[in-house]
C-alpha atoms as a PDB file:
ATOM      1  CA  MET A   1       0.230  -5.685  17.334  1.00  0.00           C
ATOM      2  CA  PHE A   2       0.841  -2.200  17.622  1.00  0.00           C
ATOM      3  CA  ASN A   3       0.634   0.047  20.349  1.00  0.00           C
ATOM      4  CA  ALA A   4      -1.151   3.297  19.847  1.00  0.00           C
ATOM      5  CA  ASN A   5      -0.659   4.482  22.688  1.00  0.00           C
ATOM      6  CA  THR A   6       1.312   7.983  22.062  1.00  0.00           C
ATOM      7  CA  ASP A   7       0.439  11.464  22.210  1.00  0.00           C
ATOM      8  CA  GLU A   8       0.790  12.135  18.439  1.00  0.00           C
ATOM      9  CA  VAL A   9      -0.921   9.591  15.825  1.00  0.00           C
ATOM     10  CA  ILE A  10      -1.483  10.052  12.000  1.00  0.00           C
ATOM     11  CA  TYR A  11      -4.863   7.729  11.156  1.00  0.00           C
ATOM     12  CA  LEU A  12      -4.927   7.286   7.385  1.00  0.00           C
ATOM     13  CA  SER A  13      -6.483   5.201   4.876  1.00  0.00           C
ATOM     14  CA  ARG A  14      -4.983   3.334   2.074  1.00  0.00           C
ATOM     15  CA  SER A  15      -8.300   3.412   0.298  1.00  0.00           C
ATOM     16  CA  ASP A  16      -8.384   7.208   0.415  1.00  0.00           C
ATOM     17  CA  THR A  17      -7.497   8.351  -3.142  1.00  0.00           C
ATOM     18  CA  ASP A  18      -7.260  12.070  -2.494  1.00  0.00           C
ATOM     19  CA  SER A  19      -4.204  11.084   0.413  1.00  0.00           C
ATOM     20  CA  PRO A  20      -0.983  10.907  -1.373  1.00  0.00           C
ATOM     21  CA  LEU A  21      -0.292   8.125   1.600  1.00  0.00           C
ATOM     22  CA  ALA A  22      -2.816   6.093   0.119  1.00  0.00           C
ATOM     23  CA  SER A  23      -1.554   2.858  -2.100  1.00  0.00           C
ATOM     24  CA  TYR A  24      -5.123   3.944  -4.003  1.00  0.00           C
ATOM     25  CA  ALA A  25      -4.084   7.513  -5.252  1.00  0.00           C
ATOM     26  CA  LEU A  26      -2.974   7.358  -8.653  1.00  0.00           C
ATOM     27  CA  ASN A  27      -0.101   7.789  -8.687  1.00  0.00           C
ATOM     28  CA  ALA A  28       1.422   5.973 -11.457  1.00  0.00           C
ATOM     29  CA  PHE A  29       5.321   4.324 -11.794  1.00  0.00           C
ATOM     30  CA  GLU A  30       7.232   1.820 -13.478  1.00  0.00           C
ATOM     31  CA  LEU A  31       8.656  -0.999 -11.978  1.00  0.00           C
ATOM     32  CA  ASP A  32       9.368  -4.675 -13.172  1.00  0.00           C
ATOM     33  CA  GLY A  33       9.077  -3.574 -16.958  1.00  0.00           C
ATOM     34  CA  GLU A  34       5.384  -2.501 -16.138  1.00  0.00           C
ATOM     35  CA  HIS A  35       3.612   0.913 -16.082  1.00  0.00           C
ATOM     36  CA  TRP A  36       0.966   0.836 -12.807  1.00  0.00           C
ATOM     37  CA  PRO A  37      -1.489   3.608 -12.238  1.00  0.00           C
ATOM     38  CA  SER A  38      -0.977   3.298  -8.198  1.00  0.00           C
ATOM     39  CA  ALA A  39       0.612   1.016  -5.482  1.00  0.00           C
ATOM     40  CA  GLU A  40      -2.466  -0.869  -5.121  1.00  0.00           C
ATOM     41  CA  HIS A  41      -2.039  -1.439  -8.645  1.00  0.00           C
ATOM     42  CA  TYR A  42       0.686  -3.082  -7.725  1.00  0.00           C
ATOM     43  CA  TYR A  43       0.094  -4.440  -4.838  1.00  0.00           C
ATOM     44  CA  GLN A  44      -3.000  -6.725  -6.905  1.00  0.00           C
ATOM     45  CA  GLY A  45      -1.283  -7.204 -10.092  1.00  0.00           C
ATOM     46  CA  SER A  46       1.354  -9.068  -8.187  1.00  0.00           C
ATOM     47  CA  LYS A  47      -0.299 -11.514  -6.607  1.00  0.00           C
ATOM     48  CA  PHE A  48      -0.620 -13.120 -10.076  1.00  0.00           C
ATOM     49  CA  GLU A  49       1.747 -15.077 -12.722  1.00  0.00           C
ATOM     50  CA  ASP A  50      -0.780 -14.945 -15.255  1.00  0.00           C
ATOM     51  CA  LYS A  51      -0.173 -12.226 -18.246  1.00  0.00           C
ATOM     52  CA  THR A  52      -3.998 -11.970 -19.399  1.00  0.00           C
ATOM     53  CA  LEU A  53      -5.109 -10.932 -14.978  1.00  0.00           C
ATOM     54  CA  ARG A  54      -2.068  -8.896 -14.844  1.00  0.00           C
ATOM     55  CA  ASP A  55      -2.961  -6.766 -17.817  1.00  0.00           C
ATOM     56  CA  GLN A  56      -6.802  -6.677 -16.628  1.00  0.00           C
ATOM     57  CA  ILE A  57      -5.520  -5.131 -13.145  1.00  0.00           C
ATOM     58  CA  ILE A  58      -2.941  -3.122 -14.769  1.00  0.00           C
ATOM     59  CA  ASN A  59      -5.785  -0.918 -17.237  1.00  0.00           C
ATOM     60  CA  ALA A  60      -8.625  -1.363 -14.278  1.00  0.00           C
ATOM     61  CA  ASP A  61      -9.877   2.628 -14.088  1.00  0.00           C
ATOM     62  CA  THR A  62      -9.282   2.943 -10.248  1.00  0.00           C
ATOM     63  CA  ALA A  63      -7.570   1.189  -7.771  1.00  0.00           C
ATOM     64  CA  HIS A  64     -10.638  -0.497  -5.736  1.00  0.00           C
ATOM     65  CA  LEU A  65     -11.275  -1.698  -9.338  1.00  0.00           C
ATOM     66  CA  ALA A  66      -7.855  -3.552  -9.200  1.00  0.00           C
ATOM     67  CA  TYR A  67      -8.657  -4.725  -5.694  1.00  0.00           C
ATOM     68  CA  LYS A  68     -12.156  -6.405  -7.411  1.00  0.00           C
ATOM     69  CA  ILE A  69     -10.612  -8.451 -10.401  1.00  0.00           C
ATOM     70  CA  ALA A  70      -7.591 -10.102  -7.726  1.00  0.00           C
ATOM     71  CA  ARG A  71     -10.639 -10.731  -5.393  1.00  0.00           C
ATOM     72  CA  LYS A  72     -12.916 -12.343  -7.698  1.00  0.00           C
ATOM     73  CA  ASN A  73      -9.772 -14.172  -9.149  1.00  0.00           C
ATOM     74  CA  SER A  74      -7.950 -15.085  -5.443  1.00  0.00           C
ATOM     75  CA  GLN A  75      -7.910 -18.428  -5.886  1.00  0.00           C
ATOM     76  CA  TYR A  76      -5.372 -18.411  -8.470  1.00  0.00           C
ATOM     77  CA  ALA A  77      -3.004 -15.970  -6.568  1.00  0.00           C
ATOM     78  CA  ARG A  78       0.578 -17.528  -6.244  1.00  0.00           C
ATOM     79  CA  GLN A  79       1.071 -20.057  -3.755  1.00  0.00           C
ATOM     80  CA  ASP A  80       3.608 -17.622  -1.810  1.00  0.00           C
ATOM     81  CA  TRP A  81       1.874 -14.796  -1.838  1.00  0.00           C
ATOM     82  CA  LYS A  82       1.277 -14.241   1.554  1.00  0.00           C
ATOM     83  CA  LYS A  83       5.240 -14.549   2.653  1.00  0.00           C
ATOM     84  CA  ILE A  84       5.749 -11.637   0.306  1.00  0.00           C
ATOM     85  CA  ARG A  85       2.860  -9.616   0.184  1.00  0.00           C
ATOM     86  CA  LYS A  86       4.347  -6.756   2.538  1.00  0.00           C
ATOM     87  CA  LEU A  87       7.702  -6.638   0.367  1.00  0.00           C
ATOM     88  CA  ILE A  88       5.526  -5.897  -2.787  1.00  0.00           C
ATOM     89  CA  MET A  89       3.325  -3.293  -0.770  1.00  0.00           C
ATOM     90  CA  THR A  90       7.152  -1.607   0.414  1.00  0.00           C
ATOM     91  CA  ARG A  91       8.545  -1.569  -3.405  1.00  0.00           C
ATOM     92  CA  GLY A  92       5.406  -0.689  -5.036  1.00  0.00           C
ATOM     93  CA  LEU A  93       5.225   2.241  -2.106  1.00  0.00           C
ATOM     94  CA  TYR A  94       8.117   3.375  -2.273  1.00  0.00           C
ATOM     95  CA  ILE A  95       8.721   3.711  -5.819  1.00  0.00           C
ATOM     96  CA  MET A  96       6.022   5.470  -6.019  1.00  0.00           C
ATOM     97  CA  PHE A  97       7.353   7.784  -3.491  1.00  0.00           C
ATOM     98  CA  LYS A  98      10.871   7.916  -5.305  1.00  0.00           C
ATOM     99  CA  THR A  99       8.695   9.018  -8.510  1.00  0.00           C
ATOM    100  CA  HIS A 100       6.696  11.545  -6.921  1.00  0.00           C
ATOM    101  CA  PRO A 101       8.328  14.140  -5.130  1.00  0.00           C
ATOM    102  CA  PRO A 102       5.073  15.563  -3.215  1.00  0.00           C
ATOM    103  CA  ALA A 103       3.812  12.350  -2.144  1.00  0.00           C
ATOM    104  CA  ALA A 104       7.259  11.974  -0.423  1.00  0.00           C
ATOM    105  CA  ASP A 105       7.354  15.309   1.264  1.00  0.00           C
ATOM    106  CA  LYS A 106       3.545  14.698   2.583  1.00  0.00           C
ATOM    107  CA  LEU A 107       5.082  11.236   4.002  1.00  0.00           C
ATOM    108  CA  LEU A 108       8.072  13.676   5.267  1.00  0.00           C
ATOM    109  CA  SER A 109       6.215  15.765   7.216  1.00  0.00           C
ATOM    110  CA  THR A 110       4.784  12.996   9.420  1.00  0.00           C
ATOM    111  CA  ARG A 111       8.467  13.256  11.419  1.00  0.00           C
ATOM    112  CA  ASP A 112       8.198  10.949  13.696  1.00  0.00           C
ATOM    113  CA  ILE A 113       4.357  10.815  14.177  1.00  0.00           C
ATOM    114  CA  LYS A 114       2.822   7.150  14.710  1.00  0.00           C
ATOM    115  CA  LEU A 115       0.932   6.598  11.364  1.00  0.00           C
ATOM    116  CA  ILE A 116      -2.363   4.401  11.596  1.00  0.00           C
ATOM    117  CA  GLU A 117      -4.143   2.454   8.094  1.00  0.00           C
ATOM    118  CA  ASN A 118      -7.689   3.004   9.964  1.00  0.00           C
ATOM    119  CA  SER A 119      -9.720  -0.198   8.688  1.00  0.00           C
ATOM    120  CA  GLN A 120     -11.969  -1.789  11.161  1.00  0.00           C
ATOM    121  CA  TYR A 121     -11.870  -4.844   9.479  1.00  0.00           C
ATOM    122  CA  ASP A 122      -8.307  -5.396   8.267  1.00  0.00           C
ATOM    123  CA  TYR A 123      -5.958  -7.237  10.801  1.00  0.00           C
ATOM    124  CA  TYR A 124      -3.344  -7.129   9.315  1.00  0.00           C
ATOM    125  CA  TRP A 125      -2.721  -4.172   7.309  1.00  0.00           C
ATOM    126  CA  GLY A 126      -4.964  -2.255   9.372  1.00  0.00           C
ATOM    127  CA  CYS A 127      -5.795  -1.656  13.186  1.00  0.00           C
ATOM    128  CA  GLY A 128      -8.838  -3.331  13.082  1.00  0.00           C
ATOM    129  CA  ARG A 129     -11.819  -2.481  15.033  1.00  0.00           C
ATOM    130  CA  ASP A 130     -10.683  -2.656  18.337  1.00  0.00           C
ATOM    131  CA  LEU A 131      -6.881  -1.192  17.835  1.00  0.00           C
ATOM    132  CA  ARG A 132      -5.554  -4.966  18.158  1.00  0.00           C
ATOM    133  CA  GLY A 133      -4.419  -5.306  14.155  1.00  0.00           C
ATOM    134  CA  ASP A 134      -1.064  -5.584  12.915  1.00  0.00           C
ATOM    135  CA  ASN A 135      -0.804  -2.053  11.201  1.00  0.00           C
ATOM    136  CA  THR A 136       1.515  -3.662   8.716  1.00  0.00           C
ATOM    137  CA  TYR A 137       0.270  -0.764   6.067  1.00  0.00           C
ATOM    138  CA  GLY A 138       1.390   1.930   9.342  1.00  0.00           C
ATOM    139  CA  HIS A 139       4.612   0.108  10.022  1.00  0.00           C
ATOM    140  CA  VAL A 140       6.073  -0.054   6.222  1.00  0.00           C
ATOM    141  CA  LEU A 141       4.617   3.691   5.897  1.00  0.00           C
ATOM    142  CA  MET A 142       6.881   4.560   8.691  1.00  0.00           C
ATOM    143  CA  GLY A 143       9.829   2.373   7.396  1.00  0.00           C
ATOM    144  CA  ILE A 144       9.772   4.035   3.899  1.00  0.00           C
ATOM    145  CA  ARG A 145       9.726   7.797   5.846  1.00  0.00           C
ATOM    146  CA  SER A 146      13.059   6.197   7.389  1.00  0.00           C
ATOM    147  CA  LYS A 147      14.187   4.979   4.265  1.00  0.00           C
ATOM    148  CA  LEU A 148      14.074   8.915   2.430  1.00  0.00           C
ATOM    149  CA  ARG A 149      15.267  10.444   5.614  1.00  0.00           C
ATOM    150  CA  GLU A 150      18.051   8.980   5.081  1.00  0.00           C
ATOM    151  CA  GLN A 151      18.594   9.647   1.543  1.00  0.00           C
END
């Protein structure tokens, strides 16, 4: 659980396609031998080892459609998915920021402000309705921000 009691907080949504900090933003990159239209496409596609299903996700017109395809086929997800999902999201976002300097600049411009994924329904990636969620997405972004600052 995260603590939102700070003076400065930025609430964001990973599904906001207009935000350069969102995994749904169409900022394409290359990773693992594939061309991914967004970090969300990479995240959803990485759930599956089946090439046909991964290709459907890669070719989805939007990140939301990639999400819907993955959700519809969740029974075929990798057995270790819950153990590696944070790592996969981190890899996808990090490469996306390295590939798109304006997005990285936007992330760096948040200085040391706490970033919170404002999802009322997602208690893993977001803060949840009662602000008791893990805010994993916010922590991932803040970790990438630190790494980018070091470089």
